N, C-alpha and C. Protein backbone atom coordinates (compact mmCIF):
# COMPACT_ATOMS: atom_id res chain seq x y z
N UNK A 1 -3.22 26.36 17.55
CA UNK A 1 -3.37 24.96 18.05
C UNK A 1 -2.48 24.04 17.37
N UNK A 2 -1.69 23.27 18.90
CA UNK A 2 -0.39 22.63 18.21
C UNK A 2 -0.37 21.61 17.88
N UNK A 3 0.88 21.11 17.42
CA UNK A 3 0.38 19.92 16.82
C UNK A 3 -0.11 18.69 17.69
N UNK A 4 0.52 18.73 18.85
CA UNK A 4 0.26 17.65 19.79
C UNK A 4 -1.35 17.68 19.97
N UNK A 5 -1.82 18.92 20.08
CA UNK A 5 -3.62 18.70 20.15
C UNK A 5 -4.35 19.02 19.16
N UNK A 6 -4.33 18.21 18.69
CA UNK A 6 -5.37 18.14 17.61
C UNK A 6 -6.95 17.72 17.71
N UNK A 7 -8.00 18.26 17.41
CA UNK A 7 -9.27 17.77 17.69
C UNK A 7 -9.55 16.23 17.45
N UNK A 8 -10.59 15.82 18.51
CA UNK A 8 -11.12 14.30 18.41
C UNK A 8 -11.25 13.84 16.85
N UNK A 9 -10.34 12.47 16.74
CA UNK A 9 -10.44 12.12 15.38
C UNK A 9 -10.05 12.04 14.26
N UNK A 10 -9.31 13.61 14.43
CA UNK A 10 -7.91 13.87 13.43
C UNK A 10 -6.49 13.87 13.90
N UNK A 11 -6.05 12.57 13.50
CA UNK A 11 -4.98 11.69 13.68
C UNK A 11 -3.86 13.18 12.86
N UNK A 12 -2.47 12.98 13.67
CA UNK A 12 -1.25 13.30 13.02
C UNK A 12 -1.05 12.54 12.21
N UNK A 13 -0.54 13.56 11.13
CA UNK A 13 0.64 12.97 9.61
C UNK A 13 1.44 11.86 10.26
N UNK A 14 1.54 10.78 9.67
CA UNK A 14 2.91 10.14 9.69
C UNK A 14 3.77 10.09 8.75
N UNK A 15 4.36 9.39 8.56
CA UNK A 15 5.60 8.90 7.48
C UNK A 15 5.57 7.22 7.17
N UNK A 16 6.21 7.34 6.23
CA UNK A 16 6.54 6.00 5.74
C UNK A 16 7.62 5.13 6.88
N UNK A 17 8.68 6.14 7.30
CA UNK A 17 9.51 5.51 8.34
C UNK A 17 8.73 5.05 9.64
N UNK A 18 7.47 5.91 9.80
CA UNK A 18 6.48 5.61 11.35
C UNK A 18 6.14 4.45 11.12
N UNK A 19 5.58 4.06 9.56
CA UNK A 19 4.36 3.19 9.70
C UNK A 19 5.14 1.80 9.71
N UNK A 20 6.69 1.75 9.37
CA UNK A 20 7.49 0.74 9.07
C UNK A 20 8.60 0.51 10.21
N UNK A 21 8.12 1.32 11.64
CA UNK A 21 9.32 1.60 12.09
C UNK A 21 10.04 0.29 12.91
N UNK A 22 8.86 -0.90 12.91
CA UNK A 22 9.65 -2.10 13.64
C UNK A 22 9.99 -3.22 12.23
N UNK A 23 10.05 -2.75 10.91
CA UNK A 23 10.05 -3.26 10.16
C UNK A 23 10.95 -2.80 9.03
N UNK A 24 12.24 -2.94 9.30
CA UNK A 24 13.39 -2.37 8.22
C UNK A 24 13.23 -2.65 6.70
N UNK A 25 12.91 -4.00 6.65
CA UNK A 25 12.69 -4.60 5.72
C UNK A 25 11.65 -4.35 4.94
N UNK A 26 10.29 -3.95 5.45
CA UNK A 26 9.25 -3.55 5.12
C UNK A 26 9.50 -2.06 4.36
N UNK A 27 10.23 -1.38 5.21
CA UNK A 27 10.32 -0.15 4.76
C UNK A 27 11.24 -0.12 3.19
N UNK A 28 12.03 -1.21 3.12
CA UNK A 28 12.62 -1.09 1.71
C UNK A 28 11.98 -1.63 0.82
N UNK A 29 10.77 -2.66 1.27
CA UNK A 29 9.56 -2.81 -0.17
C UNK A 29 8.88 -1.96 -0.50
N UNK A 30 8.50 -1.04 0.64
CA UNK A 30 7.72 0.27 0.81
C UNK A 30 8.75 1.20 -0.74
N UNK A 31 9.78 1.43 -0.72
CA UNK A 31 10.82 2.23 -1.42
C UNK A 31 10.65 1.17 -2.69
N UNK A 32 10.32 0.05 -2.85
CA UNK A 32 10.97 -0.28 -4.10
C UNK A 32 9.45 -0.35 -4.94
N UNK A 33 8.08 -0.21 -4.12
CA UNK A 33 7.35 -0.19 -4.97
C UNK A 33 6.94 1.35 -5.41
N UNK A 34 7.36 2.28 -4.49
CA UNK A 34 7.33 3.83 -4.82
C UNK A 34 7.88 4.20 -5.94
N UNK A 35 10.05 3.48 -6.13
CA UNK A 35 10.43 3.26 -7.16
C UNK A 35 9.68 3.18 -8.49
N UNK A 36 9.01 1.86 -8.77
CA UNK A 36 8.17 0.95 -9.22
C UNK A 36 7.26 2.02 -10.03
N UNK A 37 6.34 2.98 -9.15
CA UNK A 37 5.10 3.47 -9.67
C UNK A 37 6.15 4.98 -9.87
N UNK A 38 6.88 5.80 -9.72
CA UNK A 38 7.55 6.92 -9.97
C UNK A 38 8.66 6.24 -11.50
N UNK A 39 8.32 5.36 -11.54
CA UNK A 39 8.69 5.36 -13.25
C UNK A 39 8.43 6.19 -14.40
N UNK A 40 6.82 6.19 -14.26
CA UNK A 40 6.33 6.88 -15.25
C UNK A 40 5.59 8.50 -14.62
N UNK A 41 5.22 8.61 -13.79
CA UNK A 41 5.01 9.60 -13.27
C UNK A 41 4.98 9.87 -11.43
N UNK A 42 6.12 10.32 -10.66
CA UNK A 42 5.99 10.20 -9.08
C UNK A 42 4.53 10.10 -8.96
N UNK A 43 4.49 9.13 -7.97
CA UNK A 43 3.14 8.96 -7.34
C UNK A 43 2.56 9.92 -5.82
N UNK A 44 1.70 10.71 -5.64
CA UNK A 44 1.09 11.16 -4.39
C UNK A 44 0.78 10.24 -3.48
N UNK A 45 1.61 10.31 -2.75
CA UNK A 45 1.44 9.49 -0.87
C UNK A 45 1.06 10.22 0.07
N UNK A 46 0.22 9.24 0.92
CA UNK A 46 -0.20 9.74 1.88
C UNK A 46 -0.47 8.54 2.91
N UNK A 47 0.51 8.82 4.38
CA UNK A 47 0.55 7.77 5.41
C UNK A 47 0.55 8.36 6.62
N UNK A 48 -0.42 7.03 6.90
CA UNK A 48 -1.45 7.19 7.94
C UNK A 48 -0.31 6.08 9.35
N UNK A 49 -1.20 5.78 10.66
CA UNK A 49 -0.63 5.14 11.40
C UNK A 49 -0.21 3.98 10.72
N UNK A 50 -0.87 3.51 10.38
CA UNK A 50 -1.17 2.53 9.88
C UNK A 50 -0.71 1.67 8.59
N UNK A 51 -0.54 2.60 7.45
CA UNK A 51 -0.11 2.33 5.57
C UNK A 51 0.36 3.62 5.51
N UNK A 52 0.83 3.28 4.40
CA UNK A 52 1.33 4.20 3.00
C UNK A 52 0.38 4.04 2.15
N UNK A 53 -0.69 5.17 1.31
CA UNK A 53 -1.51 5.36 0.50
C UNK A 53 -0.90 5.88 -0.83
N UNK A 54 -1.16 4.80 -2.16
CA UNK A 54 -0.45 6.12 -3.10
C UNK A 54 -1.79 6.24 -3.77
N UNK A 55 -2.44 7.78 -4.41
CA UNK A 55 -3.35 8.38 -4.44
C UNK A 55 -3.32 8.75 -6.10
N UNK A 56 -4.37 8.60 -6.77
CA UNK A 56 -4.95 9.83 -7.54
C UNK A 56 -6.23 10.34 -6.54
N UNK A 57 -7.23 10.35 -8.05
CA UNK A 57 -8.52 10.89 -7.09
C UNK A 57 -8.88 10.21 -5.50
N UNK A 58 -8.41 8.78 -5.68
CA UNK A 58 -8.41 7.75 -4.44
C UNK A 58 -7.49 7.25 -4.58
N UNK A 59 -7.64 6.40 -2.99
CA UNK A 59 -6.40 5.66 -3.15
C UNK A 59 -6.06 3.91 -4.15
N UNK A 60 -5.19 3.74 -4.41
CA UNK A 60 -5.14 2.67 -5.44
C UNK A 60 -4.34 1.62 -4.98
N UNK A 61 -3.21 2.07 -4.15
CA UNK A 61 -2.37 0.62 -4.03
C UNK A 61 -1.90 1.56 -2.63
N UNK A 62 -2.15 0.32 -1.74
CA UNK A 62 -1.50 0.85 0.02
C UNK A 62 0.02 -0.39 0.58
N UNK A 63 0.74 0.17 1.07
CA UNK A 63 1.92 -0.59 1.77
C UNK A 63 1.55 -0.80 2.91
N UNK A 64 1.57 -2.14 3.63
CA UNK A 64 1.53 -1.98 4.92
C UNK A 64 2.18 -2.84 6.12
N UNK A 65 2.34 -3.00 7.04
CA UNK A 65 2.88 -3.97 7.99
C UNK A 65 2.62 -4.75 8.70
N UNK A 66 2.47 -6.19 8.51
CA UNK A 66 1.09 -6.96 9.21
C UNK A 66 1.38 -7.18 10.57
N UNK A 67 2.93 -6.96 10.57
CA UNK A 67 3.58 -7.67 12.20
C UNK A 67 3.29 -6.38 13.09
N UNK A 68 2.74 -5.44 12.73
CA UNK A 68 2.42 -4.17 13.76
C UNK A 68 0.88 -4.19 14.54
N UNK A 69 0.26 -5.70 14.01
CA UNK A 69 -1.25 -6.19 14.14
C UNK A 69 -1.51 -7.66 14.45
N UNK A 70 -0.48 -8.10 14.11
CA UNK A 70 -0.33 -9.56 13.91
C UNK A 70 0.72 -10.29 14.23
N UNK A 71 0.56 -11.62 14.92
CA UNK A 71 2.00 -12.31 14.75
C UNK A 71 2.22 -12.87 13.39
N UNK A 72 3.14 -12.05 13.02
CA UNK A 72 3.51 -12.24 11.44
C UNK A 72 5.11 -11.78 11.07
N UNK A 73 5.51 -12.50 9.84
CA UNK A 73 6.84 -12.61 9.58
C UNK A 73 6.81 -11.85 8.32
N UNK A 74 5.87 -11.36 7.63
CA UNK A 74 5.85 -10.81 6.52
C UNK A 74 6.04 -9.23 6.60
N UNK A 75 7.45 -8.98 6.00
CA UNK A 75 7.81 -7.57 6.17
C UNK A 75 6.83 -6.56 5.48
N UNK A 76 5.95 -6.92 4.74
CA UNK A 76 5.13 -5.68 4.46
C UNK A 76 4.30 -6.39 3.09
N UNK A 77 3.14 -5.57 3.47
CA UNK A 77 2.00 -5.98 2.34
C UNK A 77 1.52 -5.22 1.25
N UNK A 78 1.37 -5.17 0.47
CA UNK A 78 0.94 -4.43 -1.43
C UNK A 78 -0.34 -4.73 -1.39
N UNK A 79 -1.13 -3.89 -0.71
CA UNK A 79 -2.78 -4.01 -1.30
C UNK A 79 -3.44 -3.17 -2.33
N UNK A 80 -3.64 -3.96 -3.72
CA UNK A 80 -3.85 -2.77 -4.55
C UNK A 80 -5.47 -3.03 -5.02
N UNK A 81 -6.08 -2.13 -5.19
CA UNK A 81 -7.91 -1.60 -5.57
C UNK A 81 -7.75 -1.51 -7.07
N UNK A 82 -8.49 -2.44 -7.29
CA UNK A 82 -9.08 -2.36 -8.43
C UNK A 82 -10.40 -2.57 -8.80
N UNK A 83 -11.13 -2.23 -10.37
CA UNK A 83 -12.24 -2.35 -10.18
C UNK A 83 -12.74 -3.92 -10.70
N UNK A 84 -11.97 -4.20 -10.52
CA UNK A 84 -12.04 -6.03 -11.11
C UNK A 84 -11.62 -6.99 -10.30
N UNK A 85 -11.85 -8.54 -9.74
CA UNK A 85 -11.39 -9.06 -9.21
C UNK A 85 -10.12 -9.98 -10.37
N UNK A 86 -9.37 -10.29 -9.68
CA UNK A 86 -7.92 -10.84 -10.47
C UNK A 86 -7.46 -12.38 -9.79
N UNK A 87 -7.85 -12.96 -10.44
CA UNK A 87 -7.61 -14.32 -10.04
C UNK A 87 -6.29 -15.00 -10.05
N UNK A 88 -5.57 -14.80 -8.76
CA UNK A 88 -3.98 -15.27 -8.83
C UNK A 88 -3.57 -15.87 -7.77
N UNK A 89 -2.76 -17.21 -7.73
CA UNK A 89 -2.36 -17.31 -6.66
C UNK A 89 -1.25 -16.63 -5.46
N UNK A 90 -0.89 -15.73 -6.57
CA UNK A 90 0.06 -14.94 -5.98
C UNK A 90 -0.41 -13.49 -4.71
N UNK A 91 -2.01 -13.76 -4.78
CA UNK A 91 -2.44 -13.02 -4.15
C UNK A 91 -2.74 -14.15 -2.26
N UNK A 92 -2.46 -13.13 -1.39
CA UNK A 92 -2.90 -13.93 -0.50
C UNK A 92 -4.07 -13.89 -0.04
N UNK A 93 -4.76 -12.91 -0.44
CA UNK A 93 -6.18 -12.41 0.01
C UNK A 93 -7.22 -11.75 -1.18
N UNK A 94 -8.36 -11.66 -1.25
CA UNK A 94 -8.93 -10.82 -2.43
C UNK A 94 -10.11 -10.75 -1.97
N UNK A 95 -10.47 -9.63 -1.79
CA UNK A 95 -11.82 -8.98 -1.14
C UNK A 95 -12.35 -7.83 -1.76
N UNK A 96 -14.35 -7.92 -1.60
CA UNK A 96 -14.98 -6.99 -2.30
C UNK A 96 -15.32 -6.51 -1.81
N UNK A 97 -14.86 -5.22 -0.80
CA UNK A 97 -15.69 -4.20 0.22
C UNK A 97 -16.37 -3.35 -0.31
N UNK A 98 -16.25 -2.98 -1.53
CA UNK A 98 -18.03 -2.59 -1.62
C UNK A 98 -18.01 -2.50 -3.52
N UNK A 99 -18.99 -2.09 -3.90
CA UNK A 99 -19.66 -2.55 -5.37
C UNK A 99 -18.54 -1.74 -6.07
N UNK A 100 -17.94 -2.68 -7.13
CA UNK A 100 -17.22 -1.91 -7.95
C UNK A 100 -15.75 -2.31 -7.71
N UNK A 101 -15.25 -1.89 -6.06
CA UNK A 101 -13.84 -2.24 -5.54
C UNK A 101 -13.42 -3.65 -5.08
N UNK A 102 -12.29 -4.26 -5.41
CA UNK A 102 -11.49 -5.56 -5.66
C UNK A 102 -10.26 -4.85 -4.59
N UNK A 103 -9.96 -5.70 -3.39
CA UNK A 103 -8.48 -5.22 -2.86
C UNK A 103 -7.74 -6.31 -2.76
N UNK A 104 -6.74 -6.54 -3.57
CA UNK A 104 -6.07 -7.56 -3.82
C UNK A 104 -4.49 -7.47 -2.83
N UNK A 105 -4.93 -8.74 -1.84
CA UNK A 105 -3.56 -8.72 -0.94
C UNK A 105 -2.65 -9.09 -1.34
N UNK A 106 -0.96 -8.86 -1.67
CA UNK A 106 0.30 -9.40 -1.70
C UNK A 106 1.11 -9.25 -0.88
N UNK A 107 1.52 -10.47 -0.15
CA UNK A 107 2.19 -10.66 0.61
C UNK A 107 3.90 -10.40 0.01
N UNK A 108 4.58 -9.06 0.37
CA UNK A 108 6.15 -8.80 0.19
C UNK A 108 7.08 -9.51 1.19
N UNK A 109 8.10 -10.01 0.49
CA UNK A 109 9.23 -10.57 1.13
C UNK A 109 10.64 -10.03 0.40
N UNK A 110 10.51 -9.96 -0.95
CA UNK A 110 11.40 -9.67 -1.40
C UNK A 110 11.47 -8.77 -2.71
N UNK A 111 12.39 -7.96 -3.23
CA UNK A 111 11.97 -7.36 -4.49
C UNK A 111 11.60 -8.17 -5.68
N UNK A 112 12.18 -9.48 -5.99
CA UNK A 112 12.08 -9.78 -7.09
C UNK A 112 10.58 -9.99 -7.11
N UNK A 113 9.82 -10.31 -6.09
CA UNK A 113 8.49 -10.31 -6.00
C UNK A 113 7.25 -9.18 -7.15
N UNK A 114 8.14 -8.02 -7.20
CA UNK A 114 7.80 -6.46 -7.47
C UNK A 114 8.34 -6.89 -9.34
N UNK A 115 7.69 -7.94 -10.07
CA UNK A 115 7.81 -7.89 -11.27
C UNK A 115 6.91 -7.01 -11.85
N UNK A 116 7.05 -7.55 -13.71
CA UNK A 116 6.54 -6.99 -14.77
C UNK A 116 4.51 -7.43 -14.47
N UNK A 117 4.49 -8.37 -13.95
CA UNK A 117 2.90 -8.39 -13.55
C UNK A 117 2.62 -7.60 -12.60
N UNK A 118 3.14 -7.38 -11.30
CA UNK A 118 2.78 -6.47 -10.34
C UNK A 118 2.82 -5.04 -10.87
N UNK A 119 3.84 -4.42 -11.79
CA UNK A 119 3.73 -3.41 -12.26
C UNK A 119 2.59 -3.08 -13.27
N UNK A 120 1.87 -4.21 -13.78
CA UNK A 120 1.06 -4.23 -14.57
C UNK A 120 -0.34 -3.96 -13.79
N UNK A 121 -0.40 -4.57 -12.47
CA UNK A 121 -1.73 -4.51 -11.97
C UNK A 121 -1.73 -3.13 -11.30
N UNK A 122 -0.40 -2.54 -10.74
CA UNK A 122 -0.37 -1.37 -10.39
C UNK A 122 -0.70 -0.39 -11.44
N UNK A 123 -0.58 -0.53 -12.36
CA UNK A 123 -0.52 0.66 -13.74
C UNK A 123 -2.36 0.65 -13.74
N UNK A 124 -2.96 -0.69 -13.89
CA UNK A 124 -4.23 -0.59 -13.97
C UNK A 124 -5.04 0.44 -12.84
N UNK A 125 -4.66 0.06 -11.52
CA UNK A 125 -5.11 0.52 -10.18
C UNK A 125 -4.87 2.24 -10.61
N UNK A 126 -3.87 2.12 -10.71
CA UNK A 126 -3.45 3.95 -10.91
C UNK A 126 -4.54 4.40 -12.14
N UNK A 127 -4.77 4.00 -13.29
CA UNK A 127 -5.26 4.33 -14.44
C UNK A 127 -6.83 4.45 -13.56
N UNK A 128 -7.44 3.48 -13.02
CA UNK A 128 -8.66 3.46 -12.41
C UNK A 128 -8.95 4.59 -11.75
N UNK A 129 -7.92 4.95 -10.69
CA UNK A 129 -7.59 6.07 -9.35
C UNK A 129 -8.22 7.49 -9.92
N UNK A 130 -7.39 7.67 -11.36
CA UNK A 130 -7.17 9.21 -11.87
C UNK A 130 -8.89 9.47 -12.65
């Protein structure tokens, strides 16, 4: 079966470059998150059409470009999956999609926003996903 003739419901693999094809700044921010996570051990990633996931046994962080779907000037959003809710004004939105899982959505505009606090949230999310 050719790559173009996949069964119904199965999508082609994507790349970070395709996910952020309309947001070069978003790709730079994705790479900054990737470097932050690689400081300890290189993370496993998986790209779909809409996002790039960082994974352990399950996904724990996702970087995506909201401008693909909404009128938005935000180059990238970092969504962090944690077993607890963190109350911080830094998050655009925090949702509880299932018991024991909280998604924290952080809009990213520049690399300076990827500070020690974000690194700690990512460390916690990664540990919970392994």
